[in-house]
Amino acid sequence: MILLLIPSHFEAAPFKQKLGAVKTKKYPSGLLIHTGKLLDKDVTLAIIGMGMPHAEIRTAETLQLIQNPTLVILAGTCGALSDTLAKNDLFATAVPNGLQVPWEQTGLYTSRELIAGLEHRRRL
C-alpha cells in the first residue's frame, strides 16, 4: 500500500479525485484519511495539515494507524522553494533504491517557519 501525506485539502484534491471509490475517515485529532485505488494500487491519502507541528503530529499518528506501507510520499510542501515551481511540478530529495525518475533530484532545506516567497528565502 502506498501512503501519500499531503498538507491541505486543496493540494490533495487532484489525488483524491483520481482515487475513484474513496472511503474517508476523520479522526478526533483532525486527521483525515482517504483510501482507494490508483492504477490498481491500494493508496491511502492523509491530510496532515500545514506547518511543522501539524505535519509532525499527524504524520506520526498516520504511521501508527497505517501499518507497513510499501512507499511513503510527502507531497505539497515545496511551494515556496522556488518562484519557478508551478502547479504539478515534481521535486524530490531522495529516490528510493536507485529508481529512475523524470525529475531533478536535489537537497532540501527544512525550516521551522513558513517560507512565503523569494524575499523570505533570501533572509534564510
PDB file of N, CA and C in Angstrom:
ATOM      1  N   MET A   1       0.829  -1.172   0.000  1.00  0.00           N
ATOM      2  CA  MET A   1       0.000   0.000   0.000  1.00  0.00           C
ATOM      3  C   MET A   1       0.882   1.246   0.000  1.00  0.00           C
ATOM      4  N   ILE A   2       0.469   2.226  -0.784  1.00  0.00           N
ATOM      5  CA  ILE A   2       1.183   3.495  -0.876  1.00  0.00           C
ATOM      6  C   ILE A   2       0.516   4.490   0.065  1.00  0.00           C
ATOM      7  N   LEU A   3       1.312   5.176   0.857  1.00  0.00           N
ATOM      8  CA  LEU A   3       0.818   6.201   1.764  1.00  0.00           C
ATOM      9  C   LEU A   3       1.248   7.555   1.236  1.00  0.00           C
ATOM     10  N   LEU A   4       0.279   8.414   0.984  1.00  0.00           N
ATOM     11  CA  LEU A   4       0.519   9.751   0.458  1.00  0.00           C
ATOM     12  C   LEU A   4       0.144  10.763   1.532  1.00  0.00           C
ATOM     13  N   LEU A   5       1.106  11.559   1.987  1.00  0.00           N
ATOM     14  CA  LEU A   5       0.898  12.572   3.021  1.00  0.00           C
ATOM     15  C   LEU A   5       0.881  13.949   2.362  1.00  0.00           C
ATOM     16  N   ILE A   6      -0.224  14.684   2.535  1.00  0.00           N
ATOM     17  CA  ILE A   6      -0.370  15.996   1.903  1.00  0.00           C
ATOM     18  C   ILE A   6      -0.916  16.984   2.928  1.00  0.00           C
ATOM     19  N   PRO A   7      -0.379  18.218   2.976  1.00  0.00           N
ATOM     20  CA  PRO A   7      -0.794  19.178   3.990  1.00  0.00           C
ATOM     21  C   PRO A   7      -2.255  19.641   3.911  1.00  0.00           C
ATOM     22  N   SER A   8      -2.759  19.969   2.725  1.00  0.00           N
ATOM     23  CA  SER A   8      -4.078  20.611   2.669  1.00  0.00           C
ATOM     24  C   SER A   8      -5.052  19.887   1.742  1.00  0.00           C
ATOM     25  N   HIS A   9      -6.338  20.174   1.957  1.00  0.00           N
ATOM     26  CA  HIS A   9      -7.387  19.613   1.098  1.00  0.00           C
ATOM     27  C   HIS A   9      -7.195  20.079  -0.341  1.00  0.00           C
ATOM     28  N   PHE A  10      -6.801  21.342  -0.504  1.00  0.00           N
ATOM     29  CA  PHE A  10      -6.586  21.906  -1.838  1.00  0.00           C
ATOM     30  C   PHE A  10      -5.521  21.117  -2.600  1.00  0.00           C
ATOM     31  N   GLU A  11      -4.400  20.865  -1.933  1.00  0.00           N
ATOM     32  CA  GLU A  11      -3.305  20.133  -2.578  1.00  0.00           C
ATOM     33  C   GLU A  11      -3.666  18.666  -2.794  1.00  0.00           C
ATOM     34  N   ALA A  12      -4.514  18.123  -1.947  1.00  0.00           N
ATOM     35  CA  ALA A  12      -4.893  16.709  -2.051  1.00  0.00           C
ATOM     36  C   ALA A  12      -6.000  16.450  -3.065  1.00  0.00           C
ATOM     37  N   ALA A  13      -6.767  17.471  -3.425  1.00  0.00           N
ATOM     38  CA  ALA A  13      -7.947  17.285  -4.285  1.00  0.00           C
ATOM     39  C   ALA A  13      -7.672  16.528  -5.583  1.00  0.00           C
ATOM     40  N   PRO A  14      -6.607  16.850  -6.337  1.00  0.00           N
ATOM     41  CA  PRO A  14      -6.374  16.097  -7.583  1.00  0.00           C
ATOM     42  C   PRO A  14      -6.101  14.610  -7.327  1.00  0.00           C
ATOM     43  N   PHE A  15      -5.396  14.301  -6.242  1.00  0.00           N
ATOM     44  CA  PHE A  15      -5.109  12.907  -5.905  1.00  0.00           C
ATOM     45  C   PHE A  15      -6.383  12.184  -5.481  1.00  0.00           C
ATOM     46  N   LYS A  16      -7.172  12.850  -4.632  1.00  0.00           N
ATOM     47  CA  LYS A  16      -8.417  12.243  -4.160  1.00  0.00           C
ATOM     48  C   LYS A  16      -9.345  11.933  -5.333  1.00  0.00           C
ATOM     49  N   GLN A  17      -9.418  12.841  -6.276  1.00  0.00           N
ATOM     50  CA  GLN A  17     -10.262  12.640  -7.455  1.00  0.00           C
ATOM     51  C   GLN A  17      -9.823  11.400  -8.242  1.00  0.00           C
ATOM     52  N   LYS A  18      -8.538  11.162  -8.329  1.00  0.00           N
ATOM     53  CA  LYS A  18      -8.011  10.011  -9.081  1.00  0.00           C
ATOM     54  C   LYS A  18      -8.212   8.689  -8.350  1.00  0.00           C
ATOM     55  N   LEU A  19      -8.471   8.736  -7.046  1.00  0.00           N
ATOM     56  CA  LEU A  19      -8.619   7.502  -6.269  1.00  0.00           C
ATOM     57  C   LEU A  19      -9.918   6.757  -6.572  1.00  0.00           C
ATOM     58  N   GLY A  20     -10.845   7.386  -7.265  1.00  0.00           N
ATOM     59  CA  GLY A  20     -12.100   6.695  -7.592  1.00  0.00           C
ATOM     60  C   GLY A  20     -12.966   6.511  -6.363  1.00  0.00           C
ATOM     61  N   ALA A  21     -13.433   5.284  -6.141  1.00  0.00           N
ATOM     62  CA  ALA A  21     -14.292   4.992  -4.980  1.00  0.00           C
ATOM     63  C   ALA A  21     -13.466   5.166  -3.716  1.00  0.00           C
ATOM     64  N   VAL A  22     -13.757   6.203  -2.979  1.00  0.00           N
ATOM     65  CA  VAL A  22     -12.940   6.568  -1.819  1.00  0.00           C
ATOM     66  C   VAL A  22     -13.711   6.330  -0.526  1.00  0.00           C
ATOM     67  N   LYS A  23     -13.023   5.740   0.441  1.00  0.00           N
ATOM     68  CA  LYS A  23     -13.541   5.653   1.805  1.00  0.00           C
ATOM     69  C   LYS A  23     -12.819   6.735   2.597  1.00  0.00           C
ATOM     70  N   THR A  24     -13.568   7.501   3.382  1.00  0.00           N
ATOM     71  CA  THR A  24     -12.989   8.603   4.139  1.00  0.00           C
ATOM     72  C   THR A  24     -13.267   8.408   5.624  1.00  0.00           C
ATOM     73  N   LYS A  25     -12.245   8.695   6.436  1.00  0.00           N
ATOM     74  CA  LYS A  25     -12.418   8.623   7.885  1.00  0.00           C
ATOM     75  C   LYS A  25     -11.740   9.833   8.510  1.00  0.00           C
ATOM     76  N   LYS A  26     -12.489  10.520   9.387  1.00  0.00           N
ATOM     77  CA  LYS A  26     -11.928  11.651  10.124  1.00  0.00           C
ATOM     78  C   LYS A  26     -11.722  11.235  11.568  1.00  0.00           C
ATOM     79  N   TYR A  27     -10.531  11.511  12.081  1.00  0.00           N
ATOM     80  CA  TYR A  27     -10.164  11.153  13.442  1.00  0.00           C
ATOM     81  C   TYR A  27     -10.334  12.359  14.367  1.00  0.00           C
ATOM     82  N   PRO A  28     -10.507  12.123  15.682  1.00  0.00           N
ATOM     83  CA  PRO A  28     -10.722  13.224  16.637  1.00  0.00           C
ATOM     84  C   PRO A  28      -9.624  14.296  16.589  1.00  0.00           C
ATOM     85  N   SER A  29      -8.420  13.933  16.237  1.00  0.00           N
ATOM     86  CA  SER A  29      -7.310  14.891  16.179  1.00  0.00           C
ATOM     87  C   SER A  29      -7.438  15.858  15.004  1.00  0.00           C
ATOM     88  N   GLY A  30      -8.334  15.559  14.074  1.00  0.00           N
ATOM     89  CA  GLY A  30      -8.459  16.360  12.860  1.00  0.00           C
ATOM     90  C   GLY A  30      -7.848  15.677  11.649  1.00  0.00           C
ATOM     91  N   LEU A  31      -7.115  14.605  11.881  1.00  0.00           N
ATOM     92  CA  LEU A  31      -6.524  13.850  10.778  1.00  0.00           C
ATOM     93  C   LEU A  31      -7.633  13.304   9.882  1.00  0.00           C
ATOM     94  N   LEU A  32      -7.485  13.484   8.585  1.00  0.00           N
ATOM     95  CA  LEU A  32      -8.448  12.994   7.616  1.00  0.00           C
ATOM     96  C   LEU A  32      -7.728  12.014   6.690  1.00  0.00           C
ATOM     97  N   ILE A  33      -8.267  10.797   6.568  1.00  0.00           N
ATOM     98  CA  ILE A  33      -7.641   9.761   5.744  1.00  0.00           C
ATOM     99  C   ILE A  33      -8.638   9.273   4.703  1.00  0.00           C
ATOM    100  N   HIS A  34      -8.184   9.268   3.443  1.00  0.00           N
ATOM    101  CA  HIS A  34      -8.963   8.746   2.326  1.00  0.00           C
ATOM    102  C   HIS A  34      -8.249   7.487   1.826  1.00  0.00           C
ATOM    103  N   THR A  35      -8.991   6.448   1.511  1.00  0.00           N
ATOM    104  CA  THR A  35      -8.392   5.240   0.934  1.00  0.00           C
ATOM    105  C   THR A  35      -9.093   4.914  -0.373  1.00  0.00           C
ATOM    106  N   GLY A  36      -8.338   4.379  -1.308  1.00  0.00           N
ATOM    107  CA  GLY A  36      -8.876   3.999  -2.602  1.00  0.00           C
ATOM    108  C   GLY A  36      -7.809   3.311  -3.427  1.00  0.00           C
ATOM    109  N   LYS A  37      -8.013   3.300  -4.732  1.00  0.00           N
ATOM    110  CA  LYS A  37      -7.062   2.661  -5.638  1.00  0.00           C
ATOM    111  C   LYS A  37      -6.640   3.645  -6.714  1.00  0.00           C
ATOM    112  N   LEU A  38      -5.379   3.573  -7.086  1.00  0.00           N
ATOM    113  CA  LEU A  38      -4.821   4.367  -8.162  1.00  0.00           C
ATOM    114  C   LEU A  38      -3.935   3.445  -8.982  1.00  0.00           C
ATOM    115  N   LEU A  39      -4.278   3.288 -10.258  1.00  0.00           N
ATOM    116  CA  LEU A  39      -3.534   2.371 -11.144  1.00  0.00           C
ATOM    117  C   LEU A  39      -3.436   0.980 -10.528  1.00  0.00           C
ATOM    118  N   ASP A  40      -4.540   0.491 -10.000  1.00  0.00           N
ATOM    119  CA  ASP A  40      -4.635  -0.835  -9.375  1.00  0.00           C
ATOM    120  C   ASP A  40      -3.775  -1.014  -8.135  1.00  0.00           C
ATOM    121  N   LYS A  41      -3.324   0.077  -7.556  1.00  0.00           N
ATOM    122  CA  LYS A  41      -2.550   0.026  -6.308  1.00  0.00           C
ATOM    123  C   LYS A  41      -3.406   0.583  -5.179  1.00  0.00           C
ATOM    124  N   ASP A  42      -3.337  -0.042  -4.010  1.00  0.00           N
ATOM    125  CA  ASP A  42      -4.009   0.491  -2.833  1.00  0.00           C
ATOM    126  C   ASP A  42      -3.272   1.747  -2.386  1.00  0.00           C
ATOM    127  N   VAL A  43      -4.039   2.825  -2.224  1.00  0.00           N
ATOM    128  CA  VAL A  43      -3.450   4.110  -1.839  1.00  0.00           C
ATOM    129  C   VAL A  43      -4.216   4.673  -0.653  1.00  0.00           C
ATOM    130  N   THR A  44      -3.463   5.152   0.331  1.00  0.00           N
ATOM    131  CA  THR A  44      -4.036   5.874   1.458  1.00  0.00           C
ATOM    132  C   THR A  44      -3.513   7.296   1.388  1.00  0.00           C
ATOM    133  N   LEU A  45      -4.441   8.246   1.419  1.00  0.00           N
ATOM    134  CA  LEU A  45      -4.124   9.663   1.338  1.00  0.00           C
ATOM    135  C   LEU A  45      -4.476  10.302   2.671  1.00  0.00           C
ATOM    136  N   ALA A  46      -3.484  10.873   3.339  1.00  0.00           N
ATOM    137  CA  ALA A  46      -3.708  11.507   4.644  1.00  0.00           C
ATOM    138  C   ALA A  46      -3.504  13.009   4.521  1.00  0.00           C
ATOM    139  N   ILE A  47      -4.499  13.778   4.989  1.00  0.00           N
ATOM    140  CA  ILE A  47      -4.382  15.235   5.045  1.00  0.00           C
ATOM    141  C   ILE A  47      -3.773  15.563   6.404  1.00  0.00           C
ATOM    142  N   ILE A  48      -2.493  15.953   6.402  1.00  0.00           N
ATOM    143  CA  ILE A  48      -1.757  16.083   7.660  1.00  0.00           C
ATOM    144  C   ILE A  48      -1.738  17.493   8.231  1.00  0.00           C
ATOM    145  N   GLY A  49      -2.210  18.476   7.495  1.00  0.00           N
ATOM    146  CA  GLY A  49      -2.221  19.852   7.992  1.00  0.00           C
ATOM    147  C   GLY A  49      -0.947  20.587   7.629  1.00  0.00           C
ATOM    148  N   MET A  50      -1.036  21.910   7.704  1.00  0.00           N
ATOM    149  CA  MET A  50       0.085  22.758   7.304  1.00  0.00           C
ATOM    150  C   MET A  50       0.918  23.162   8.521  1.00  0.00           C
ATOM    151  N   GLY A  51       2.197  23.305   8.301  1.00  0.00           N
ATOM    152  CA  GLY A  51       3.120  23.703   9.366  1.00  0.00           C
ATOM    153  C   GLY A  51       3.728  22.491  10.041  1.00  0.00           C
ATOM    154  N   MET A  52       4.922  22.690  10.583  1.00  0.00           N
ATOM    155  CA  MET A  52       5.661  21.580  11.190  1.00  0.00           C
ATOM    156  C   MET A  52       4.923  20.890  12.335  1.00  0.00           C
ATOM    157  N   PRO A  53       4.294  21.621  13.257  1.00  0.00           N
ATOM    158  CA  PRO A  53       3.624  20.907  14.357  1.00  0.00           C
ATOM    159  C   PRO A  53       2.528  19.959  13.864  1.00  0.00           C
ATOM    160  N   HIS A  54       1.659  20.440  12.967  1.00  0.00           N
ATOM    161  CA  HIS A  54       0.606  19.576  12.437  1.00  0.00           C
ATOM    162  C   HIS A  54       1.199  18.400  11.667  1.00  0.00           C
ATOM    163  N   ALA A  55       2.132  18.705  10.785  1.00  0.00           N
ATOM    164  CA  ALA A  55       2.717  17.654   9.946  1.00  0.00           C
ATOM    165  C   ALA A  55       3.392  16.586  10.795  1.00  0.00           C
ATOM    166  N   GLU A  56       4.130  17.001  11.803  1.00  0.00           N
ATOM    167  CA  GLU A  56       4.841  16.038  12.655  1.00  0.00           C
ATOM    168  C   GLU A  56       3.868  15.151  13.430  1.00  0.00           C
ATOM    169  N   ILE A  57       2.900  15.782  14.082  1.00  0.00           N
ATOM    170  CA  ILE A  57       1.951  15.029  14.912  1.00  0.00           C
ATOM    171  C   ILE A  57       1.084  14.108  14.068  1.00  0.00           C
ATOM    172  N   ARG A  58       0.537  14.645  12.971  1.00  0.00           N
ATOM    173  CA  ARG A  58      -0.380  13.838  12.153  1.00  0.00           C
ATOM    174  C   ARG A  58       0.344  12.790  11.317  1.00  0.00           C
ATOM    175  N   THR A  59       1.592  13.049  10.957  1.00  0.00           N
ATOM    176  CA  THR A  59       2.360  12.011  10.264  1.00  0.00           C
ATOM    177  C   THR A  59       2.614  10.845  11.209  1.00  0.00           C
ATOM    178  N   ALA A  60       3.010  11.146  12.445  1.00  0.00           N
ATOM    179  CA  ALA A  60       3.225  10.081  13.436  1.00  0.00           C
ATOM    180  C   ALA A  60       1.936   9.310  13.676  1.00  0.00           C
ATOM    181  N   GLU A  61       0.818  10.033  13.806  1.00  0.00           N
ATOM    182  CA  GLU A  61      -0.470   9.381  14.020  1.00  0.00           C
ATOM    183  C   GLU A  61      -0.828   8.485  12.828  1.00  0.00           C
ATOM    184  N   THR A  62      -0.609   9.004  11.624  1.00  0.00           N
ATOM    185  CA  THR A  62      -0.918   8.224  10.420  1.00  0.00           C
ATOM    186  C   THR A  62      -0.090   6.946  10.372  1.00  0.00           C
ATOM    187  N   LEU A  63       1.189   7.049  10.701  1.00  0.00           N
ATOM    188  CA  LEU A  63       2.058   5.868  10.657  1.00  0.00           C
ATOM    189  C   LEU A  63       1.710   4.854  11.736  1.00  0.00           C
ATOM    190  N   GLN A  64       1.047   5.281  12.804  1.00  0.00           N
ATOM    191  CA  GLN A  64       0.551   4.323  13.801  1.00  0.00           C
ATOM    192  C   GLN A  64      -0.701   3.618  13.289  1.00  0.00           C
ATOM    193  N   LEU A  65      -1.522   4.343  12.552  1.00  0.00           N
ATOM    194  CA  LEU A  65      -2.775   3.785  12.038  1.00  0.00           C
ATOM    195  C   LEU A  65      -2.562   2.925  10.792  1.00  0.00           C
ATOM    196  N   ILE A  66      -1.658   3.346   9.934  1.00  0.00           N
ATOM    197  CA  ILE A  66      -1.398   2.659   8.666  1.00  0.00           C
ATOM    198  C   ILE A  66      -0.094   1.884   8.822  1.00  0.00           C
ATOM    199  N   GLN A  67      -0.208   0.627   9.053  1.00  0.00           N
ATOM    200  CA  GLN A  67       0.968  -0.206   9.322  1.00  0.00           C
ATOM    201  C   GLN A  67       1.658  -0.664   8.037  1.00  0.00           C
ATOM    202  N   ASN A  68       2.948  -0.553   8.000  1.00  0.00           N
ATOM    203  CA  ASN A  68       3.815  -1.099   6.957  1.00  0.00           C
ATOM    204  C   ASN A  68       3.462  -0.686   5.529  1.00  0.00           C
ATOM    205  N   PRO A  69       3.376   0.615   5.240  1.00  0.00           N
ATOM    206  CA  PRO A  69       3.184   0.993   3.840  1.00  0.00           C
ATOM    207  C   PRO A  69       4.421   0.595   3.032  1.00  0.00           C
ATOM    208  N   THR A  70       4.224   0.263   1.760  1.00  0.00           N
ATOM    209  CA  THR A  70       5.361  -0.105   0.911  1.00  0.00           C
ATOM    210  C   THR A  70       6.121   1.121   0.429  1.00  0.00           C
ATOM    211  N   LEU A  71       5.433   2.261   0.406  1.00  0.00           N
ATOM    212  CA  LEU A  71       6.046   3.516  -0.035  1.00  0.00           C
ATOM    213  C   LEU A  71       5.324   4.663   0.661  1.00  0.00           C
ATOM    214  N   VAL A  72       6.092   5.646   1.160  1.00  0.00           N
ATOM    215  CA  VAL A  72       5.513   6.843   1.765  1.00  0.00           C
ATOM    216  C   VAL A  72       5.962   8.034   0.928  1.00  0.00           C
ATOM    217  N   ILE A  73       4.980   8.848   0.497  1.00  0.00           N
ATOM    218  CA  ILE A  73       5.269  10.034  -0.306  1.00  0.00           C
ATOM    219  C   ILE A  73       4.723  11.249   0.429  1.00  0.00           C
ATOM    220  N   LEU A  74       5.582  12.246   0.634  1.00  0.00           N
ATOM    221  CA  LEU A  74       5.172  13.520   1.202  1.00  0.00           C
ATOM    222  C   LEU A  74       5.097  14.504   0.045  1.00  0.00           C
ATOM    223  N   ALA A  75       3.922  15.072  -0.197  1.00  0.00           N
ATOM    224  CA  ALA A  75       3.726  15.961  -1.351  1.00  0.00           C
ATOM    225  C   ALA A  75       3.111  17.275  -0.911  1.00  0.00           C
ATOM    226  N   GLY A  76       3.347  18.301  -1.720  1.00  0.00           N
ATOM    227  CA  GLY A  76       2.696  19.579  -1.496  1.00  0.00           C
ATOM    228  C   GLY A  76       3.364  20.469  -0.477  1.00  0.00           C
ATOM    229  N   THR A  77       4.652  20.286  -0.231  1.00  0.00           N
ATOM    230  CA  THR A  77       5.309  21.066   0.815  1.00  0.00           C
ATOM    231  C   THR A  77       6.403  21.995   0.302  1.00  0.00           C
ATOM    232  N   CYS A  78       6.569  22.114  -0.997  1.00  0.00           N
ATOM    233  CA  CYS A  78       7.700  22.885  -1.535  1.00  0.00           C
ATOM    234  C   CYS A  78       7.278  24.097  -2.346  1.00  0.00           C
ATOM    235  N   GLY A  79       6.083  24.615  -2.114  1.00  0.00           N
ATOM    236  CA  GLY A  79       5.585  25.734  -2.903  1.00  0.00           C
ATOM    237  C   GLY A  79       6.472  26.966  -2.872  1.00  0.00           C
ATOM    238  N   ALA A  80       7.115  27.241  -1.762  1.00  0.00           N
ATOM    239  CA  ALA A  80       7.963  28.426  -1.667  1.00  0.00           C
ATOM    240  C   ALA A  80       9.427  28.117  -1.942  1.00  0.00           C
ATOM    241  N   LEU A  81       9.725  26.923  -2.375  1.00  0.00           N
ATOM    242  CA  LEU A  81      11.110  26.539  -2.633  1.00  0.00           C
ATOM    243  C   LEU A  81      11.727  27.381  -3.732  1.00  0.00           C
ATOM    244  N   SER A  82      10.957  27.624  -4.780  1.00  0.00           N
ATOM    245  CA  SER A  82      11.444  28.387  -5.923  1.00  0.00           C
ATOM    246  C   SER A  82      10.280  29.112  -6.582  1.00  0.00           C
ATOM    247  N   ASP A  83      10.519  30.344  -7.027  1.00  0.00           N
ATOM    248  CA  ASP A  83       9.466  31.083  -7.723  1.00  0.00           C
ATOM    249  C   ASP A  83       9.146  30.462  -9.074  1.00  0.00           C
ATOM    250  N   THR A  84      10.009  29.574  -9.559  1.00  0.00           N
ATOM    251  CA  THR A  84       9.767  28.945 -10.863  1.00  0.00           C
ATOM    252  C   THR A  84       8.955  27.664 -10.749  1.00  0.00           C
ATOM    253  N   LEU A  85       8.732  27.152  -9.522  1.00  0.00           N
ATOM    254  CA  LEU A  85       7.911  25.958  -9.363  1.00  0.00           C
ATOM    255  C   LEU A  85       6.466  26.275  -9.711  1.00  0.00           C
ATOM    256  N   ALA A  86       5.883  25.450 -10.554  1.00  0.00           N
ATOM    257  CA  ALA A  86       4.488  25.630 -10.953  1.00  0.00           C
ATOM    258  C   ALA A  86       3.656  24.477 -10.411  1.00  0.00           C
ATOM    259  N   LYS A  87       2.353  24.652 -10.456  1.00  0.00           N
ATOM    260  CA  LYS A  87       1.451  23.581 -10.050  1.00  0.00           C
ATOM    261  C   LYS A  87       1.790  22.326 -10.848  1.00  0.00           C
ATOM    262  N   ASN A  88       1.827  21.190 -10.182  1.00  0.00           N
ATOM    263  CA  ASN A  88       2.127  19.870 -10.750  1.00  0.00           C
ATOM    264  C   ASN A  88       3.610  19.617 -11.026  1.00  0.00           C
ATOM    265  N   ASP A  89       4.509  20.559 -10.697  1.00  0.00           N
ATOM    266  CA  ASP A  89       5.932  20.274 -10.811  1.00  0.00           C
ATOM    267  C   ASP A  89       6.312  19.259  -9.741  1.00  0.00           C
ATOM    268  N   LEU A  90       7.294  18.434 -10.045  1.00  0.00           N
ATOM    269  CA  LEU A  90       7.761  17.430  -9.094  1.00  0.00           C
ATOM    270  C   LEU A  90       9.136  17.811  -8.576  1.00  0.00           C
ATOM    271  N   PHE A  91       9.349  17.580  -7.295  1.00  0.00           N
ATOM    272  CA  PHE A  91      10.616  17.876  -6.643  1.00  0.00           C
ATOM    273  C   PHE A  91      10.918  16.721  -5.707  1.00  0.00           C
ATOM    274  N   ALA A  92      12.097  16.162  -5.795  1.00  0.00           N
ATOM    275  CA  ALA A  92      12.447  15.021  -4.947  1.00  0.00           C
ATOM    276  C   ALA A  92      13.774  15.272  -4.266  1.00  0.00           C
ATOM    277  N   THR A  93      13.867  14.884  -2.993  1.00  0.00           N
ATOM    278  CA  THR A  93      15.139  14.981  -2.283  1.00  0.00           C
ATOM    279  C   THR A  93      15.855  13.645  -2.241  1.00  0.00           C
ATOM    280  N   ALA A  94      15.135  12.575  -2.482  1.00  0.00           N
ATOM    281  CA  ALA A  94      15.729  11.237  -2.480  1.00  0.00           C
ATOM    282  C   ALA A  94      14.902  10.333  -3.375  1.00  0.00           C
ATOM    283  N   VAL A  95      15.594   9.408  -4.004  1.00  0.00           N
ATOM    284  CA  VAL A  95      14.928   8.447  -4.870  1.00  0.00           C
ATOM    285  C   VAL A  95      15.205   7.057  -4.316  1.00  0.00           C
ATOM    286  N   PRO A  96      14.163   6.313  -3.942  1.00  0.00           N
ATOM    287  CA  PRO A  96      14.375   5.003  -3.328  1.00  0.00           C
ATOM    288  C   PRO A  96      14.975   3.981  -4.279  1.00  0.00           C
ATOM    289  N   ASN A  97      15.944   3.251  -3.784  1.00  0.00           N
ATOM    290  CA  ASN A  97      16.534   2.110  -4.490  1.00  0.00           C
ATOM    291  C   ASN A  97      16.985   2.423  -5.910  1.00  0.00           C
ATOM    292  N   GLY A  98      17.513   3.632  -6.141  1.00  0.00           N
ATOM    293  CA  GLY A  98      18.045   3.975  -7.449  1.00  0.00           C
ATOM    294  C   GLY A  98      17.003   4.044  -8.550  1.00  0.00           C
ATOM    295  N   LEU A  99      15.751   4.221  -8.203  1.00  0.00           N
ATOM    296  CA  LEU A  99      14.666   4.298  -9.164  1.00  0.00           C
ATOM    297  C   LEU A  99      14.918   5.432 -10.156  1.00  0.00           C
ATOM    298  N   GLN A 100      14.718   5.186 -11.439  1.00  0.00           N
ATOM    299  CA  GLN A 100      14.861   6.219 -12.457  1.00  0.00           C
ATOM    300  C   GLN A 100      13.614   7.096 -12.444  1.00  0.00           C
ATOM    301  N   VAL A 101      13.786   8.407 -12.284  1.00  0.00           N
ATOM    302  CA  VAL A 101      12.652   9.323 -12.199  1.00  0.00           C
ATOM    303  C   VAL A 101      12.811  10.466 -13.198  1.00  0.00           C
ATOM    304  N   PRO A 102      11.679  11.021 -13.662  1.00  0.00           N
ATOM    305  CA  PRO A 102      11.752  12.082 -14.671  1.00  0.00           C
ATOM    306  C   PRO A 102      11.852  13.489 -14.082  1.00  0.00           C
ATOM    307  N   TRP A 103      12.526  13.645 -12.935  1.00  0.00           N
ATOM    308  CA  TRP A 103      12.694  14.968 -12.360  1.00  0.00           C
ATOM    309  C   TRP A 103      14.071  15.075 -11.747  1.00  0.00           C
ATOM    310  N   GLU A 104      14.483  16.292 -11.486  1.00  0.00           N
ATOM    311  CA  GLU A 104      15.786  16.544 -10.895  1.00  0.00           C
ATOM    312  C   GLU A 104      15.775  16.218  -9.413  1.00  0.00           C
ATOM    313  N   GLN A 105      16.849  15.638  -8.948  1.00  0.00           N
ATOM    314  CA  GLN A 105      16.988  15.326  -7.531  1.00  0.00           C
ATOM    315  C   GLN A 105      17.944  16.345  -6.924  1.00  0.00           C
ATOM    316  N   THR A 106      17.606  16.874  -5.760  1.00  0.00           N
ATOM    317  CA  THR A 106      18.436  17.882  -5.118  1.00  0.00           C
ATOM    318  C   THR A 106      18.236  17.833  -3.610  1.00  0.00           C
ATOM    319  N   GLY A 107      19.006  18.606  -2.895  1.00  0.00           N
ATOM    320  CA  GLY A 107      18.859  18.679  -1.446  1.00  0.00           C
ATOM    321  C   GLY A 107      17.687  19.557  -1.060  1.00  0.00           C
ATOM    322  N   LEU A 108      17.318  19.542   0.208  1.00  0.00           N
ATOM    323  CA  LEU A 108      16.179  20.308   0.682  1.00  0.00           C
ATOM    324  C   LEU A 108      16.512  20.936   2.022  1.00  0.00           C
ATOM    325  N   TYR A 109      16.232  22.223   2.143  1.00  0.00           N
ATOM    326  CA  TYR A 109      16.383  22.931   3.405  1.00  0.00           C
ATOM    327  C   TYR A 109      15.061  22.841   4.146  1.00  0.00           C
ATOM    328  N   THR A 110      15.083  22.490   5.403  1.00  0.00           N
ATOM    329  CA  THR A 110      13.866  22.414   6.199  1.00  0.00           C
ATOM    330  C   THR A 110      13.842  23.577   7.179  1.00  0.00           C
ATOM    331  N   SER A 111      12.737  24.305   7.185  1.00  0.00           N
ATOM    332  CA  SER A 111      12.587  25.474   8.037  1.00  0.00           C
ATOM    333  C   SER A 111      11.512  25.222   9.089  1.00  0.00           C
ATOM    334  N   ARG A 112      11.665  25.844  10.246  1.00  0.00           N
ATOM    335  CA  ARG A 112      10.645  25.745  11.289  1.00  0.00           C
ATOM    336  C   ARG A 112       9.556  26.801  11.121  1.00  0.00           C
ATOM    337  N   GLU A 113       9.669  27.627  10.084  1.00  0.00           N
ATOM    338  CA  GLU A 113       8.665  28.658   9.842  1.00  0.00           C
ATOM    339  C   GLU A 113       8.223  28.605   8.381  1.00  0.00           C
ATOM    340  N   LEU A 114       7.080  29.206   8.101  1.00  0.00           N
ATOM    341  CA  LEU A 114       6.564  29.254   6.749  1.00  0.00           C
ATOM    342  C   LEU A 114       7.439  30.163   5.906  1.00  0.00           C
ATOM    343  N   ILE A 115       7.858  29.678   4.753  1.00  0.00           N
ATOM    344  CA  ILE A 115       8.655  30.473   3.825  1.00  0.00           C
ATOM    345  C   ILE A 115       7.700  30.948   2.737  1.00  0.00           C
ATOM    346  N   ALA A 116       7.452  32.259   2.701  1.00  0.00           N
ATOM    347  CA  ALA A 116       6.356  32.784   1.887  1.00  0.00           C
ATOM    348  C   ALA A 116       6.799  33.468   0.604  1.00  0.00           C
ATOM    349  N   GLY A 117       7.964  33.212   0.101  1.00  0.00           N
ATOM    350  CA  GLY A 117       8.364  33.805  -1.168  1.00  0.00           C
ATOM    351  C   GLY A 117       9.842  34.094  -1.227  1.00  0.00           C
ATOM    352  N   LEU A 118      10.248  34.717  -2.327  1.00  0.00           N
ATOM    353  CA  LEU A 118      11.653  34.953  -2.617  1.00  0.00           C
ATOM    354  C   LEU A 118      12.341  35.790  -1.539  1.00  0.00           C
ATOM    355  N   GLU A 119      11.732  36.905  -1.131  1.00  0.00           N
ATOM    356  CA  GLU A 119      12.363  37.769  -0.129  1.00  0.00           C
ATOM    357  C   GLU A 119      12.563  37.018   1.191  1.00  0.00           C
ATOM    358  N   HIS A 120      11.617  36.236   1.579  1.00  0.00           N
ATOM    359  CA  HIS A 120      11.732  35.450   2.809  1.00  0.00           C
ATOM    360  C   HIS A 120      12.867  34.426   2.662  1.00  0.00           C
ATOM    361  N   ARG A 121      12.966  33.764   1.510  1.00  0.00           N
ATOM    362  CA  ARG A 121      14.040  32.783   1.291  1.00  0.00           C
ATOM    363  C   ARG A 121      15.406  33.432   1.363  1.00  0.00           C
ATOM    364  N   ARG A 122      15.536  34.654   0.848  1.00  0.00           N
ATOM    365  CA  ARG A 122      16.831  35.350   0.861  1.00  0.00           C
ATOM    366  C   ARG A 122      17.332  35.600   2.285  1.00  0.00           C
ATOM    367  N   ARG A 123      16.391  35.753   3.229  1.00  0.00           N
ATOM    368  CA  ARG A 123      16.776  36.009   4.625  1.00  0.00           C
ATOM    369  C   ARG A 123      17.249  34.745   5.337  1.00  0.00           C
ATOM    370  N   LEU A 124      17.005  33.586   4.787  1.00  0.00           N
ATOM    371  CA  LEU A 124      17.383  32.328   5.465  1.00  0.00           C
ATOM    372  C   LEU A 124      18.880  32.124   5.479  1.00  0.00           C
TER     373      LEU A 124
END
